[in-house]
Structure formats: C-alpha cells, structure tokens
C-alpha cells in the first residue's frame, strides 16, 4: 500500500508541475499581447493625433505623445496662455558707479536716482521683458575694477545694460560694450574721448566736457579777472573740461598764470600751491576730486589765498562745506556743472515726485533708466542689441511727447511712436551718442550752494 501511495504521489506531483509550466507559458503570452495591440490597434495612435505607425518606427508615437496630450486637453492650457506675457520674470540692468573714492558722493546720487526710476517702472507693471532688477557694483573710479565688475554683470548676472560709469571707466568699457552687444550709459561721463568712441552701444545723457569747459570759460571771462591759475587733477573727467576752459579764457584775453596737473591721493599739495600763490592770481580754477580738492582748498587759504574759486562738478556736493569749512569758501567759491533746466515741465514733474531731483546728475540718471525701459518696449528683443536699435527713435522722433515710462509704454503698446522728453532736458543723441546740455553756476552762500547763473543749451549752439 505504501508503494502504491508513493507512485500516486509522484504522478500527482508530475501533473501539478506540468500545470504550472502551462500557466507560466500562458502568462508570457498575456504580457506580450498588449505591446502588439499598442502598435497595431488603430484606436491607440488615434488618441495621439498621429497617423498609423509602422513597425519600423516604433519610437515615433512615444515621441509625439506629449504634444498630443497638450492638444487633447485645451481647456487646461488656455487659461494660462494669456497670463504668460505678464509672467516674464526679470530683466537685469547693472549700476556701475563709484561709491567710494574721489567721486563717491556722485555715485550715490546716480545709484539712488536710477533706483527711483526702477521703482516707477516696476510699479507701472514693468517692461514687456519683465520687471527690472538692478545689480550694483562700486568701481571706486578705477577703470580696471570697472571692467571686471561690468564683465561680471554681463556674463554672470545677464545684464542687458550697464549704467553709471565715470569718464575713465566709460572709455575702458567701449570694447566690452561692442563685443558683448550690451548698452553702456553714463549721466556724467563728459570725456571728449567719447566724442569719437561713442554712438553705438555707448551713450550718455550728459553733454561732452567741451560744454563744461565752455561754460566754465564763459563764467571766468565774465568776472572781470585779470589772471587765473588752473589746478587740475590728473584724471580724465577733470583734464577735458580744463583744457576747453583754458582756451576760452585765453581767447578772452585773461592771463593764465599756471596750468598745473597734479596727482590725486597726495597728503599735501604745498609744492604746487607755492608756485600758484607766488603769482597771486585773481582766481583759481580747481578741477579736482572730492578728496584732493578739500586738501587743496584748505592749504591754499592757509597759505594766504584770498581770491575767488571756480570748482568743476566734482565738488558740487553739500558735503564740501563740512569737509572744508563753510567759512573758507562762503561768498568766494563758485561751482559749474551740467544741469537740468528748472523751468521745464518735465523737470518740475520729476521734482514733485523725487525729493532729490535737485542733486547733480539725478535727472540725467533717471532719464537713463527710463530710456532703457522704453527702448525695451519698442524693441523686438529683450537684450542690448534691442535697446541699441531703438533708443534713438524713442528719445527723439515725431511721435507723442511723453515724460514717464507708463505714458510711453501705453502708446507703444497701442502701436504708436513716442518722443521721450527727459527730466534733464531734450535727449537728442548725436553721432557719438551724446546729448547737448545746459549748465548751472552756483555760489557758496551761508554753507549752501545757491544758483546764480544758468546757461541753456542754446548758449553754446554754433
């Protein structure tokens, strides 16, 4: 009985094993069948919107599956499409200014005015390319630092424009602007070198130093001086206007007792002043920075100078009174700088909105960022090349006059053309990317700079 039972058990095990094999074979067939159906059944490709695939191209339905899904669900996609233009993110602009060094006070003025403009633009909804983001860097007035920081702004931050470089830095950036096709703009770089180098990707919302020099020379010639001494800091932004002013003074028949170029950063300028004071000039034309200028003024007065002064724009800041001592320059010192016409409605409007509108170059700085934003609105691309292609037309055309970004944006959006009238005055770029300008003479009175003369741009026409 045990033998019979054993045989039966073995037969049962064999039958059971065969049934497992059959089941496994059946499962393999079931796994393969859907793959065959996916290729051959017409209803599957139809769902993807594609023609019937062939066996030789099995990957095509999979590649086309994503577009097909998008087409199959239009209701989900349609609401997001109108919002897409408004959700374009940010566009970057570099603010490259001297926050330290001889021109540090001007750098702060420029950076603040640009930020005010950015706030207005973004509050109005931003540009079609996105809201404006600024990246700020301090050059200290050094050209090599400026090149390094500008390169970083462009290559790492994606800046489409770089604003605020001083004369020496601006000249050093011309090649970079052309190579990278990024717009470089300045509100105070008056160097005459840009008269030849500017005009393509390189612009300024201030006139050339030829104008500053002419205004300085006109003022010096009108004061009745018989002799003037020139003390000039050895930098691009000071030498250019001094050379023009010297020519104007000589033409007026005034004696120039000295024309001394000195290096900044010295602890004392006694050597230079010994020569100047020995000639006893009626006035000293000081084209110096904010640090060296303070030293020169103090030492000259200590050395017995009692005549008048004419400073260039670098010293047109209220801080000079604390640094020098108001009693040393009150009533005797004057300063010349490019300025907005305070009678223009565009400046009056700007002054009502911005409490620092009267700071030197603040209107010019505001105009820079507004011009860039409007140029982006008018351009076909959101990059430096786009700005460069439209900025002249935005600044000067037969279109509707506007003085704010919001006004210009709305007209451009409706297909119109605009003529931006700046807070600093009309912005008609010549071949060198330079505008004509007006100039103010201020006098030191009771520890403040007070306007005493204004030369409109028409003064120097022709």
Protein backbone atom coordinates (compact mmCIF):
# COMPACT_ATOMS: atom_id res chain seq x y z
CA UNK A 1 0.00 0.00 0.00
CA UNK A 2 2.86 2.30 0.76
CA UNK A 3 4.31 1.56 -2.68
CA UNK A 4 1.04 2.31 -4.43
CA UNK A 5 0.66 5.51 -2.43
CA UNK A 6 4.15 6.61 -3.33
CA UNK A 7 3.53 6.04 -7.03
CA UNK A 8 0.31 8.02 -6.87
CA UNK A 9 2.01 10.90 -5.13
CA UNK A 10 4.73 11.02 -7.77
CA UNK A 11 2.16 11.00 -10.57
CA UNK A 12 0.24 13.80 -8.85
CA UNK A 13 3.41 15.90 -8.48
CA UNK A 14 4.26 15.45 -12.14
CA UNK A 15 0.79 16.50 -13.24
CA UNK A 16 0.92 19.52 -10.90
CA UNK A 17 4.31 20.61 -12.29
CA UNK A 18 3.04 20.37 -15.85
CA UNK A 19 0.10 22.59 -14.92
CA UNK A 20 2.49 25.23 -13.52
CA UNK A 21 4.53 25.22 -16.72
CA UNK A 22 1.38 25.67 -18.79
CA UNK A 23 0.28 28.55 -16.59
CA UNK A 24 3.66 30.25 -16.93
CA UNK A 25 3.53 29.95 -20.71
CA UNK A 26 0.07 31.45 -20.68
CA UNK A 27 1.29 34.42 -18.60
CA UNK A 28 4.10 35.16 -21.07
CA UNK A 29 1.63 35.30 -23.92
CA UNK A 30 -0.55 37.70 -21.96
CA UNK A 31 2.41 40.07 -21.33
CA UNK A 32 3.36 40.24 -24.99
CA UNK A 33 -0.15 40.74 -26.34
CA UNK A 34 -0.70 44.40 -25.18
CA UNK A 35 2.55 45.51 -26.87
CA UNK A 36 1.34 44.05 -30.15
CA UNK A 37 -2.03 45.76 -29.71
CA UNK A 38 -0.46 49.14 -28.95
CA UNK A 39 1.27 49.13 -32.30
CA UNK A 40 -1.41 47.62 -34.46
CA UNK A 41 -4.70 48.79 -32.96
CA UNK A 42 -5.85 51.98 -34.76
CA UNK A 43 -7.56 53.42 -31.69
CA UNK A 44 -4.27 53.85 -29.79
CA UNK A 45 -2.44 56.10 -32.30
CA UNK A 46 -5.67 57.97 -32.97
CA UNK A 47 -5.59 59.21 -29.41
CA UNK A 48 -2.20 60.80 -30.12
CA UNK A 49 -3.39 62.54 -33.26
CA UNK A 50 -0.73 60.72 -35.33
CA UNK A 51 -1.05 58.54 -38.41
CA UNK A 52 -0.77 54.78 -38.06
CA UNK A 53 2.83 53.98 -37.14
CA UNK A 54 4.80 51.33 -38.89
CA UNK A 55 6.66 48.53 -37.16
CA UNK A 56 9.94 50.06 -38.45
CA UNK A 57 9.40 53.28 -36.43
CA UNK A 58 8.16 52.20 -33.00
CA UNK A 59 9.65 55.28 -31.23
CA UNK A 60 7.62 57.93 -33.09
CA UNK A 61 4.33 57.51 -31.21
CA UNK A 62 6.19 57.84 -27.93
CA UNK A 63 7.99 61.00 -29.11
CA UNK A 64 4.73 62.57 -30.26
CA UNK A 65 2.79 61.60 -27.19
CA UNK A 66 3.47 64.82 -25.24
CA UNK A 67 2.22 67.27 -27.89
CA UNK A 68 -0.79 65.02 -28.40
CA UNK A 69 -1.66 65.18 -24.71
CA UNK A 70 -1.43 69.00 -24.81
CA UNK A 71 -3.80 69.08 -27.78
CA UNK A 72 -6.18 66.67 -26.14
CA UNK A 73 -6.65 68.97 -23.11
CA UNK A 74 -7.06 72.52 -24.46
CA UNK A 75 -9.30 73.56 -21.59
CA UNK A 76 -6.44 73.14 -19.10
CA UNK A 77 -3.89 75.08 -21.21
CA UNK A 78 -5.97 78.01 -22.42
CA UNK A 79 -6.31 79.92 -19.13
CA UNK A 80 -2.52 80.05 -18.61
CA UNK A 81 -1.67 81.41 -22.08
CA UNK A 82 -2.95 84.99 -21.64
CA UNK A 83 -1.05 85.33 -18.35
CA UNK A 84 2.25 84.25 -19.90
CA UNK A 85 3.38 87.71 -21.21
CA UNK A 86 2.87 89.27 -17.76
CA UNK A 87 4.80 86.50 -16.05
CA UNK A 88 8.05 87.03 -17.92
CA UNK A 89 10.24 87.32 -14.86
CA UNK A 90 13.02 89.89 -14.58
CA UNK A 91 15.48 91.69 -16.79
CA UNK A 92 18.77 92.82 -15.33
CA UNK A 93 20.47 96.20 -15.52
CA UNK A 94 23.87 96.89 -14.00
CA UNK A 95 24.53 100.01 -11.91
CA UNK A 96 28.28 100.61 -12.10
CA UNK A 97 29.21 103.66 -10.04
CA UNK A 98 31.94 104.98 -7.73
CA UNK A 99 30.52 104.56 -4.24
CA UNK A 100 33.95 105.23 -2.74
CA UNK A 101 36.89 107.42 -3.70
CA UNK A 102 37.03 110.90 -5.18
CA UNK A 103 33.58 110.70 -6.81
CA UNK A 104 31.82 108.63 -4.16
CA UNK A 105 29.12 111.20 -3.43
CA UNK A 106 28.15 111.35 -7.10
CA UNK A 107 27.98 107.57 -7.31
CA UNK A 108 25.41 107.51 -4.52
CA UNK A 109 23.34 110.23 -6.21
CA UNK A 110 23.33 108.32 -9.50
CA UNK A 111 22.52 104.95 -7.92
CA UNK A 112 19.64 106.43 -5.91
CA UNK A 113 18.12 108.19 -8.92
CA UNK A 114 18.33 105.01 -11.01
CA UNK A 115 16.60 103.05 -8.26
CA UNK A 116 13.86 105.66 -8.12
CA UNK A 117 13.33 105.22 -11.85
CA UNK A 118 13.29 101.44 -11.49
CA UNK A 119 10.67 101.70 -8.75
CA UNK A 120 8.45 103.82 -11.01
CA UNK A 121 8.85 101.42 -13.92
CA UNK A 122 8.13 98.31 -11.88
CA UNK A 123 5.20 99.96 -10.10
CA UNK A 124 3.70 100.57 -13.55
CA UNK A 125 3.92 96.84 -14.30
CA UNK A 126 7.46 96.56 -15.59
CA UNK A 127 8.59 96.20 -19.17
CA UNK A 128 7.35 93.63 -21.67
CA UNK A 129 10.62 91.83 -20.94
CA UNK A 130 9.91 91.70 -17.21
CA UNK A 131 10.39 93.81 -14.13
CA UNK A 132 13.78 95.47 -13.87
CA UNK A 133 16.33 94.05 -11.46
CA UNK A 134 19.45 96.06 -10.66
CA UNK A 135 22.91 94.79 -9.76
CA UNK A 136 25.09 97.44 -8.12
CA UNK A 137 28.90 97.50 -8.00
CA UNK A 138 31.45 100.03 -6.77
CA UNK A 139 34.27 100.96 -9.14
CA UNK A 140 35.98 103.44 -6.85
CA UNK A 141 36.57 105.33 -10.10
CA UNK A 142 39.10 102.71 -11.23
CA UNK A 143 38.98 101.54 -14.86
CA UNK A 144 40.28 98.00 -14.22
CA UNK A 145 37.75 97.50 -11.44
CA UNK A 146 35.07 98.80 -13.77
CA UNK A 147 35.97 96.30 -16.49
CA UNK A 148 35.95 93.42 -14.02
CA UNK A 149 32.62 94.38 -12.45
CA UNK A 150 30.95 95.11 -15.80
CA UNK A 151 32.11 91.76 -17.17
CA UNK A 152 30.63 90.02 -14.15
CA UNK A 153 27.35 91.90 -14.55
CA UNK A 154 27.09 90.83 -18.18
CA UNK A 155 28.40 87.26 -18.04
CA UNK A 156 27.17 86.16 -14.60
CA UNK A 157 24.13 88.36 -13.99
CA UNK A 158 22.87 88.67 -17.58
CA UNK A 159 22.78 92.48 -17.61
CA UNK A 160 21.49 93.96 -20.88
CA UNK A 161 22.70 97.46 -19.99
CA UNK A 162 25.30 98.91 -17.64
CA UNK A 163 24.71 102.41 -16.27
CA UNK A 164 26.71 104.95 -14.32
CA UNK A 165 30.42 104.64 -15.19
CA UNK A 166 32.58 107.73 -14.86
CA UNK A 167 34.69 109.04 -17.74
CA UNK A 168 37.78 106.85 -17.36
CA UNK A 169 35.74 103.71 -16.71
CA UNK A 170 33.37 104.51 -19.58
CA UNK A 171 36.20 104.75 -22.10
CA UNK A 172 37.63 101.46 -20.84
CA UNK A 173 34.26 99.73 -21.36
CA UNK A 174 33.72 100.68 -25.01
CA UNK A 175 35.31 97.50 -26.40
CA UNK A 176 33.33 95.33 -23.97
CA UNK A 177 30.08 97.04 -24.99
CA UNK A 178 30.75 96.35 -28.67
CA UNK A 179 31.92 92.79 -28.12
CA UNK A 180 29.05 91.75 -25.85
CA UNK A 181 26.45 93.99 -27.53
CA UNK A 182 25.43 95.50 -24.21
CA UNK A 183 24.46 99.15 -23.88
CA UNK A 184 26.71 101.29 -21.67
CA UNK A 185 25.29 104.63 -20.48
CA UNK A 186 26.54 107.41 -18.23
CA UNK A 187 24.90 110.52 -16.76
CA UNK A 188 28.20 112.35 -16.15
CA UNK A 189 30.99 110.93 -18.34
CA UNK A 190 31.82 114.07 -20.26
CA UNK A 191 35.23 113.00 -21.57
CA UNK A 192 35.94 114.25 -25.06
CA UNK A 193 37.34 110.81 -25.93
CA UNK A 194 33.76 109.59 -26.21
CA UNK A 195 33.16 112.17 -28.91
CA UNK A 196 34.93 109.69 -31.19
CA UNK A 197 34.22 106.37 -29.43
CA UNK A 198 30.53 106.68 -28.58
CA UNK A 199 27.38 106.29 -30.60
CA UNK A 200 26.94 102.52 -30.98
CA UNK A 201 26.03 100.76 -27.72
CA UNK A 202 27.71 103.70 -25.94
CA UNK A 203 25.53 106.64 -24.84
CA UNK A 204 25.42 109.41 -22.28
CA UNK A 205 22.64 111.64 -21.01
CA UNK A 206 25.07 114.48 -20.40
CA UNK A 207 26.92 116.71 -22.81
CA UNK A 208 30.60 116.47 -23.61
CA UNK A 209 33.23 118.18 -21.47
CA UNK A 210 33.51 120.60 -24.35
CA UNK A 211 30.31 122.10 -22.98
CA UNK A 212 31.53 122.09 -19.37
CA UNK A 213 34.72 123.78 -20.41
CA UNK A 214 32.82 126.34 -22.45
CA UNK A 215 30.53 127.14 -19.51
CA UNK A 216 33.48 127.43 -17.13
CA UNK A 217 35.38 129.61 -19.56
CA UNK A 218 32.33 131.82 -20.09
CA UNK A 219 31.92 132.32 -16.35
CA UNK A 220 35.62 133.04 -15.74
CA UNK A 221 35.63 135.50 -18.62
CA UNK A 222 32.60 137.34 -17.24
CA UNK A 223 34.03 138.02 -13.78
CA UNK A 224 36.49 140.71 -14.71
CA UNK A 225 39.55 138.74 -13.67
CA UNK A 226 42.93 139.77 -14.98
CA UNK A 227 44.63 136.49 -14.08
CA UNK A 228 43.56 132.92 -13.34
CA UNK A 229 45.54 129.89 -12.18
CA UNK A 230 44.49 126.37 -13.22
CA UNK A 231 44.94 123.44 -10.81
CA UNK A 232 43.87 120.20 -12.50
CA UNK A 233 43.68 116.70 -11.06
CA UNK A 234 45.30 114.12 -13.31
CA UNK A 235 42.14 112.28 -14.37
CA UNK A 236 40.04 112.04 -17.50
CA UNK A 237 36.99 113.77 -16.03
CA UNK A 238 38.95 116.84 -14.92
CA UNK A 239 41.50 117.35 -17.67
CA UNK A 240 38.98 117.51 -20.54
CA UNK A 241 36.93 120.49 -19.31
CA UNK A 242 40.03 122.29 -18.06
CA UNK A 243 41.62 122.27 -21.50
CA UNK A 244 38.49 123.73 -23.08
CA UNK A 245 38.14 126.35 -20.34
CA UNK A 246 41.78 127.37 -20.78
CA UNK A 247 41.17 128.08 -24.47
CA UNK A 248 38.09 130.17 -23.64
CA UNK A 249 39.96 132.20 -21.01
CA UNK A 250 42.92 132.86 -23.28
CA UNK A 251 40.59 133.96 -26.05
CA UNK A 252 39.05 136.45 -23.62
CA UNK A 253 42.49 137.97 -23.05
CA UNK A 254 42.88 136.80 -19.46
CA UNK A 255 46.33 135.76 -18.26
CA UNK A 256 46.74 132.16 -17.13
CA UNK A 257 49.49 132.26 -14.52
CA UNK A 258 49.74 128.47 -14.12
CA UNK A 259 48.29 125.29 -15.59
CA UNK A 260 49.34 122.61 -13.12
CA UNK A 261 48.25 118.98 -13.34
CA UNK A 262 48.59 117.16 -10.03
CA UNK A 263 48.13 113.54 -8.96
CA UNK A 264 45.34 112.61 -6.56
CA UNK A 265 45.94 110.85 -3.26
CA UNK A 266 48.77 113.05 -2.03
CA UNK A 267 48.78 114.06 1.65
CA UNK A 268 49.72 117.64 0.71
CA UNK A 269 49.85 119.95 -2.31
CA UNK A 270 52.13 122.57 -0.82
CA UNK A 271 54.63 122.26 -3.67
CA UNK A 272 52.01 123.03 -6.33
CA UNK A 273 50.44 125.81 -4.26
CA UNK A 274 53.74 127.53 -3.58
CA UNK A 275 54.05 128.21 -7.31
CA UNK A 276 50.41 129.22 -7.70
CA UNK A 277 50.31 131.61 -4.75
CA UNK A 278 53.58 133.25 -5.76
CA UNK A 279 51.83 134.52 -8.91
CA UNK A 280 48.92 135.98 -6.89
CA UNK A 281 46.05 135.11 -9.29
CA UNK A 282 42.63 136.75 -9.00
CA UNK A 283 41.01 133.32 -9.10
CA UNK A 284 41.87 129.64 -9.05
CA UNK A 285 40.09 127.23 -11.38
CA UNK A 286 40.15 123.95 -9.44
CA UNK A 287 39.23 120.84 -11.39
CA UNK A 288 39.76 118.38 -8.58
CA UNK A 289 38.15 115.41 -6.91
CA UNK A 290 36.31 115.44 -3.63
CA UNK A 291 39.30 114.22 -1.62
CA UNK A 292 42.18 116.12 -3.21
CA UNK A 293 40.04 119.22 -3.64
CA UNK A 294 39.46 119.55 0.08
CA UNK A 295 43.20 119.43 0.75
CA UNK A 296 43.98 121.99 -1.96
CA UNK A 297 41.37 124.46 -0.69
CA UNK A 298 42.46 124.25 2.93
CA UNK A 299 46.15 124.61 2.13
CA UNK A 300 45.60 127.47 -0.32
CA UNK A 301 43.62 129.50 2.21
CA UNK A 302 46.17 128.70 4.90
CA UNK A 303 48.85 129.93 2.50
CA UNK A 304 47.18 133.31 2.16
CA UNK A 305 44.95 132.97 -0.92
CA UNK A 306 42.05 135.45 -0.71
CA UNK A 307 40.76 135.34 -4.28
CA UNK A 308 37.77 133.55 -5.79
CA UNK A 309 37.40 129.93 -6.82
CA UNK A 310 35.64 128.12 -9.62
CA UNK A 311 35.21 124.41 -8.99
CA UNK A 312 34.19 121.77 -11.52
CA UNK A 313 31.24 119.46 -10.93
CA UNK A 314 33.16 117.02 -8.73
CA UNK A 315 32.88 119.46 -5.82
CA UNK A 316 29.22 120.38 -6.40
CA UNK A 317 28.03 118.49 -3.33
CA UNK A 318 26.80 119.81 0.04
CA UNK A 319 29.34 117.67 1.89
CA UNK A 320 32.11 120.00 0.74
CA UNK A 321 31.06 122.61 3.31
CA UNK A 322 31.60 120.26 6.24
CA UNK A 323 34.80 118.87 4.77
CA UNK A 324 36.43 122.25 4.08
CA UNK A 325 34.67 124.54 6.50
CA UNK A 326 31.98 126.81 5.12
CA UNK A 327 33.78 129.91 6.38
CA UNK A 328 36.67 129.26 3.99
CA UNK A 329 34.59 129.33 0.81
CA UNK A 330 31.42 131.28 1.58
CA UNK A 331 30.85 134.05 -0.99
CA UNK A 332 34.20 133.28 -2.69
CA UNK A 333 33.59 129.89 -4.29
CA UNK A 334 31.54 129.02 -7.35
CA UNK A 335 30.88 125.65 -8.97
CA UNK A 336 29.88 124.71 -12.53
CA UNK A 337 28.05 121.57 -13.63
CA UNK A 338 25.71 120.22 -16.29
CA UNK A 339 22.18 120.70 -15.06
CA UNK A 340 18.54 120.38 -15.98
CA UNK A 341 16.55 123.43 -16.92
CA UNK A 342 14.42 124.02 -13.80
CA UNK A 343 11.74 125.76 -15.86
CA UNK A 344 10.96 122.68 -17.96
CA UNK A 345 7.65 120.99 -17.09
CA UNK A 346 9.36 117.58 -17.24
CA UNK A 347 11.83 118.63 -14.55
CA UNK A 348 9.11 120.23 -12.43
CA UNK A 349 7.13 116.98 -12.57
CA UNK A 350 10.23 114.97 -11.67
CA UNK A 351 10.95 117.31 -8.76
CA UNK A 352 7.43 116.81 -7.43
CA UNK A 353 7.90 113.03 -7.41
CA UNK A 354 11.52 112.79 -6.28
CA UNK A 355 12.83 114.75 -3.30
CA UNK A 356 16.44 114.53 -4.53
CA UNK A 357 15.72 115.85 -8.02
CA UNK A 358 18.00 118.84 -7.50
CA UNK A 359 21.10 116.73 -6.85
CA UNK A 360 23.74 116.95 -9.60
CA UNK A 361 23.06 114.43 -12.38
CA UNK A 362 19.96 112.98 -10.67
CA UNK A 363 17.67 113.93 -13.61
CA UNK A 364 20.22 112.55 -16.10
CA UNK A 365 20.33 109.27 -14.18
CA UNK A 366 16.55 108.97 -14.05
CA UNK A 367 16.39 109.59 -17.80
CA UNK A 368 18.90 106.78 -18.46
CA UNK A 369 16.85 104.03 -16.88
CA UNK A 370 13.59 105.36 -18.32
CA UNK A 371 15.09 105.43 -21.81
CA UNK A 372 16.34 101.86 -21.46
CA UNK A 373 12.93 100.64 -20.31
CA UNK A 374 11.12 102.39 -23.16
CA UNK A 375 13.68 101.09 -25.65
CA UNK A 376 12.94 97.55 -24.49
CA UNK A 377 9.24 98.22 -25.03
CA UNK A 378 9.90 99.34 -28.59
CA UNK A 379 12.45 96.64 -29.46
CA UNK A 380 11.93 93.21 -30.99
CA UNK A 381 14.25 91.57 -28.47
CA UNK A 382 14.98 91.78 -24.77
CA UNK A 383 18.71 92.39 -24.97
CA UNK A 384 21.33 95.05 -25.52
CA UNK A 385 21.03 94.83 -29.28
CA UNK A 386 17.32 95.55 -28.98
CA UNK A 387 17.93 98.61 -26.81
CA UNK A 388 20.62 99.86 -29.16
CA UNK A 389 18.32 99.54 -32.16
CA UNK A 390 15.50 101.65 -30.71
CA UNK A 391 16.96 104.12 -28.21
CA UNK A 392 17.47 106.96 -30.68
CA UNK A 393 13.94 106.70 -32.01
CA UNK A 394 12.46 106.58 -28.52
CA UNK A 395 14.47 109.63 -27.42
CA UNK A 396 13.76 111.78 -30.46
CA UNK A 397 11.04 111.34 -33.05
CA UNK A 398 7.89 112.91 -34.41
CA UNK A 399 5.88 110.75 -32.03
CA UNK A 400 3.84 111.71 -28.99
CA UNK A 401 5.80 113.53 -26.30
CA UNK A 402 6.00 111.61 -23.02
CA UNK A 403 7.96 112.12 -19.81
CA UNK A 404 7.26 108.90 -17.88
CA UNK A 405 7.62 105.21 -18.60
CA UNK A 406 3.92 104.49 -18.11
CA UNK A 407 2.89 107.10 -20.70
CA UNK A 408 5.37 105.82 -23.26
CA UNK A 409 4.62 102.16 -22.65
CA UNK A 410 0.90 102.62 -23.26
CA UNK A 411 1.43 104.50 -26.52
CA UNK A 412 3.95 101.96 -27.80
CA UNK A 413 1.61 99.11 -26.85
CA UNK A 414 -1.13 100.65 -28.98
CA UNK A 415 1.20 100.84 -31.98
CA UNK A 416 2.17 104.49 -31.67
CA UNK A 417 5.55 106.20 -31.57
CA UNK A 418 6.95 108.36 -28.80
CA UNK A 419 9.38 111.20 -28.19
CA UNK A 420 10.72 110.98 -24.64
CA UNK A 421 11.29 114.42 -23.13
CA UNK A 422 13.63 113.91 -20.21
CA UNK A 423 13.74 115.44 -16.76
CA UNK A 424 17.24 116.61 -17.70
CA UNK A 425 16.01 118.19 -20.93
CA UNK A 426 15.60 117.10 -24.56
CA UNK A 427 17.57 113.96 -25.34
CA UNK A 428 18.70 114.16 -28.94
CA UNK A 429 21.70 111.86 -29.39
CA UNK A 430 24.32 112.98 -31.88
CA UNK A 431 26.56 110.58 -33.80
CA UNK A 432 28.66 109.99 -30.68
CA UNK A 433 25.65 109.10 -28.52
CA UNK A 434 25.89 112.44 -26.72
CA UNK A 435 23.17 114.98 -25.94
CA UNK A 436 23.51 118.75 -25.80
CA UNK A 437 23.24 120.22 -22.34
CA UNK A 438 22.58 123.19 -20.13
CA UNK A 439 24.81 124.35 -17.26
CA UNK A 440 24.40 125.94 -13.87
CA UNK A 441 26.75 128.13 -11.84
CA UNK A 442 26.20 128.02 -8.08
CA UNK A 443 27.78 130.13 -5.36
CA UNK A 444 28.69 129.15 -1.81
CA UNK A 445 26.39 131.23 0.41
CA UNK A 446 25.89 130.53 4.11
CA UNK A 447 27.08 126.95 3.81
CA UNK A 448 24.91 126.06 0.81
CA UNK A 449 25.19 126.01 -2.97
CA UNK A 450 22.85 128.63 -4.43
CA UNK A 451 22.06 129.07 -8.14
CA UNK A 452 23.42 132.32 -9.55
CA UNK A 453 23.63 131.68 -13.31
CA UNK A 454 22.07 129.30 -15.82
CA UNK A 455 23.33 128.70 -19.34
CA UNK A 456 20.74 126.95 -21.56
CA UNK A 457 21.99 124.64 -24.28
CA UNK A 458 21.24 127.31 -26.87
CA UNK A 459 24.03 129.44 -25.35
CA UNK A 460 26.60 127.21 -26.98
CA UNK A 461 24.88 126.44 -30.29
CA UNK A 462 27.11 127.18 -33.23
